[in-house]
Amino acid sequence: MDPGKLGRAIRRVGAEAAVLTVGDVALRLSERRLTREASLARAVKAVGALYEIERLHRVRIEVKKLRYVLEVTAELSARRSIARIEALTAIQEQLGRLHDLQVLQGQIRDVESRFVPGRGRVARDLARMTDDVEADCRALHAAVLPQLRSARHRGVK
């Protein structure tokens, strides 16, 4: 982005923010929270019990967006949602670890595809590594599903 254009955008946002009342900010945050909760609920519902990489990644993104709104709200108000923020942070971290394992699994499979399946020690070790990472992914997925359901019942509709 052009630095001049960025500077103008920052000044414009600053000017808009300068005229907002605390009530305006609280209302906007409340509206944003409701929007983020609804988006997360849709993403969680779309996952269901499936082990589907892209849908799980979407949940992770929606968790992060809701967490950010709750963190800003907590900073600007006396009302704290610390337990909820911590729960969302834990879910986000687990989904991040799951995503990292899925990326690793793809890279291992890419290397594995260069070998004749089952031929030679390296090919067997890569196959075993793929199986181990797959098992870790499925175990992490099974562990995070109840937390997602629990998050839905703690205010995420």
Protein backbone atom coordinates (compact mmCIF):
# COMPACT_ATOMS: atom_id res chain seq x y z
CA MET A 1 0.00 0.00 0.00
CA ASP A 2 1.10 3.50 -0.78
CA PRO A 3 2.40 5.17 2.43
CA GLY A 4 0.48 8.38 1.66
CA LYS A 5 -2.74 6.42 1.15
CA LEU A 6 -2.12 4.50 4.38
CA GLY A 7 -1.54 7.75 6.27
CA ARG A 8 -4.82 9.20 4.96
CA ALA A 9 -6.68 6.04 5.93
CA ILE A 10 -5.23 6.15 9.46
CA ARG A 11 -6.17 9.82 9.84
CA ARG A 12 -9.70 9.11 8.58
CA VAL A 13 -10.17 6.22 11.06
CA GLY A 14 -8.75 8.42 13.83
CA ALA A 15 -11.16 11.23 13.01
CA GLU A 16 -14.10 8.81 12.99
CA ALA A 17 -13.02 7.29 16.30
CA ALA A 18 -12.60 10.71 17.92
CA VAL A 19 -16.34 11.41 17.68
CA LEU A 20 -17.48 8.03 19.01
CA THR A 21 -18.88 7.87 22.50
CA VAL A 22 -18.16 5.02 24.87
CA GLY A 23 -21.74 3.89 24.23
CA ASP A 24 -21.12 3.85 20.47
CA VAL A 25 -18.02 1.72 20.93
CA ALA A 26 -19.82 -0.64 23.32
CA LEU A 27 -22.70 -1.03 20.86
CA ARG A 28 -20.37 -1.73 17.94
CA LEU A 29 -18.41 -4.27 19.96
CA SER A 30 -21.62 -5.98 21.05
CA GLU A 31 -22.81 -6.17 17.45
CA ARG A 32 -19.43 -7.48 16.34
CA ARG A 33 -19.43 -10.10 19.13
CA LEU A 34 -22.86 -11.36 18.05
CA THR A 35 -21.71 -11.53 14.43
CA ARG A 36 -18.54 -13.41 15.38
CA GLU A 37 -20.46 -15.83 17.62
CA ALA A 38 -22.86 -16.60 14.78
CA SER A 39 -19.98 -17.13 12.34
CA LEU A 40 -18.25 -19.48 14.76
CA ALA A 41 -21.46 -21.39 15.38
CA ARG A 42 -21.90 -21.91 11.62
CA ALA A 43 -18.29 -23.06 11.25
CA VAL A 44 -18.59 -25.49 14.19
CA LYS A 45 -21.87 -26.84 12.81
CA ALA A 46 -20.26 -27.34 9.39
CA VAL A 47 -17.49 -29.42 10.96
CA GLY A 48 -19.82 -31.68 12.90
CA ALA A 49 -17.82 -34.79 13.73
CA LEU A 50 -15.93 -34.76 10.44
CA TYR A 51 -12.18 -34.70 10.20
CA GLU A 52 -12.07 -32.18 7.38
CA ILE A 53 -8.98 -30.00 7.19
CA GLU A 54 -10.42 -26.87 5.57
CA ARG A 55 -13.52 -26.79 7.79
CA LEU A 56 -11.39 -27.16 10.90
CA HIS A 57 -9.12 -24.36 9.71
CA ARG A 58 -12.21 -22.17 9.21
CA VAL A 59 -13.22 -22.87 12.83
CA ARG A 60 -9.76 -21.82 13.97
CA ILE A 61 -10.05 -18.51 12.12
CA GLU A 62 -13.52 -17.86 13.55
CA VAL A 63 -12.33 -18.69 17.09
CA LYS A 64 -9.49 -16.19 16.67
CA LYS A 65 -11.82 -13.43 15.44
CA LEU A 66 -14.24 -13.94 18.34
CA ARG A 67 -11.40 -14.04 20.83
CA TYR A 68 -10.06 -10.72 19.56
CA VAL A 69 -13.47 -9.06 19.95
CA LEU A 70 -13.78 -10.41 23.49
CA GLU A 71 -10.27 -9.20 24.35
CA VAL A 72 -11.02 -5.67 23.13
CA THR A 73 -14.33 -5.69 24.98
CA ALA A 74 -12.59 -6.84 28.16
CA GLU A 75 -10.03 -4.05 27.84
CA LEU A 76 -12.70 -1.38 27.42
CA SER A 77 -15.11 -2.51 30.09
CA ALA A 78 -15.23 -3.62 33.68
CA ARG A 79 -16.88 -6.83 32.49
CA ARG A 80 -14.23 -9.46 31.94
CA SER A 81 -14.61 -12.66 29.95
CA ILE A 82 -11.29 -14.11 31.04
CA ALA A 83 -12.47 -17.73 31.34
CA ARG A 84 -14.11 -17.60 27.93
CA ILE A 85 -11.08 -15.93 26.35
CA GLU A 86 -8.80 -18.58 27.87
CA ALA A 87 -11.07 -21.37 26.60
CA LEU A 88 -11.08 -19.89 23.09
CA THR A 89 -7.30 -19.41 23.23
CA ALA A 90 -6.83 -23.08 24.17
CA ILE A 91 -9.10 -24.19 21.31
CA GLN A 92 -7.28 -21.91 18.88
CA GLU A 93 -3.91 -23.32 19.98
CA GLN A 94 -5.08 -26.91 19.58
CA LEU A 95 -6.53 -26.18 16.16
CA GLY A 96 -3.26 -24.45 15.25
CA ARG A 97 -1.29 -27.52 16.33
CA LEU A 98 -3.67 -29.70 14.32
CA HIS A 99 -3.19 -27.49 11.27
CA ASP A 100 0.62 -27.64 11.70
CA LEU A 101 0.47 -31.44 11.86
CA GLN A 102 -1.68 -31.52 8.74
CA VAL A 103 0.83 -29.36 6.88
CA LEU A 104 3.65 -31.64 8.08
CA GLN A 105 1.68 -34.66 6.94
CA GLY A 106 1.32 -33.17 3.47
CA GLN A 107 5.04 -32.49 3.27
CA ILE A 108 5.88 -36.02 4.36
CA ARG A 109 3.51 -37.41 1.74
CA ASP A 110 5.15 -35.22 -0.88
CA VAL A 111 8.58 -36.67 -0.05
CA GLU A 112 7.09 -40.16 0.25
CA SER A 113 5.64 -39.92 -3.27
CA ARG A 114 9.18 -39.80 -4.63
CA PHE A 115 9.86 -43.33 -3.39
CA VAL A 116 8.43 -46.62 -4.57
CA PRO A 117 5.88 -47.52 -1.85
CA GLY A 118 7.19 -50.13 0.56
CA ARG A 119 10.54 -50.36 -1.21
CA GLY A 120 13.49 -49.62 0.96
CA ARG A 121 13.99 -48.46 4.50
CA VAL A 122 13.40 -44.75 3.78
CA ALA A 123 10.08 -45.49 2.08
CA ARG A 124 8.95 -47.65 5.01
CA ASP A 125 10.06 -45.02 7.55
CA LEU A 126 8.21 -42.28 5.68
CA ALA A 127 5.08 -44.43 5.53
CA ARG A 128 5.32 -45.07 9.27
CA MET A 129 5.87 -41.35 9.91
CA THR A 130 2.79 -40.50 7.85
CA ASP A 131 0.76 -43.01 9.85
CA ASP A 132 2.04 -41.58 13.15
CA VAL A 133 1.21 -38.00 12.18
CA GLU A 134 -2.21 -39.13 10.96
CA ALA A 135 -2.87 -40.81 14.31
CA ASP A 136 -1.78 -37.63 16.13
CA CYS A 137 -4.10 -35.54 13.95
CA ARG A 138 -7.07 -37.78 14.62
CA ALA A 139 -6.37 -37.87 18.38
CA LEU A 140 -6.11 -34.08 18.53
CA HIS A 141 -9.27 -33.76 16.48
CA ALA A 142 -11.11 -36.08 18.87
CA ALA A 143 -9.85 -34.03 21.83
CA VAL A 144 -10.87 -30.66 20.41
CA LEU A 145 -14.40 -31.63 19.30
CA PRO A 146 -15.87 -31.69 22.84
CA GLN A 147 -14.25 -28.31 23.51
CA LEU A 148 -15.91 -26.87 20.41
CA ARG A 149 -19.26 -28.20 21.52
CA SER A 150 -18.65 -26.83 25.01
CA ALA A 151 -17.74 -23.41 23.56
CA ARG A 152 -21.05 -23.39 21.72
CA HIS A 153 -22.90 -23.90 24.99
CA ARG A 154 -20.93 -21.14 26.78
CA GLY A 155 -22.36 -18.35 24.71
CA VAL A 156 -21.41 -19.40 21.22
CA LYS A 157 -24.78 -20.25 19.74
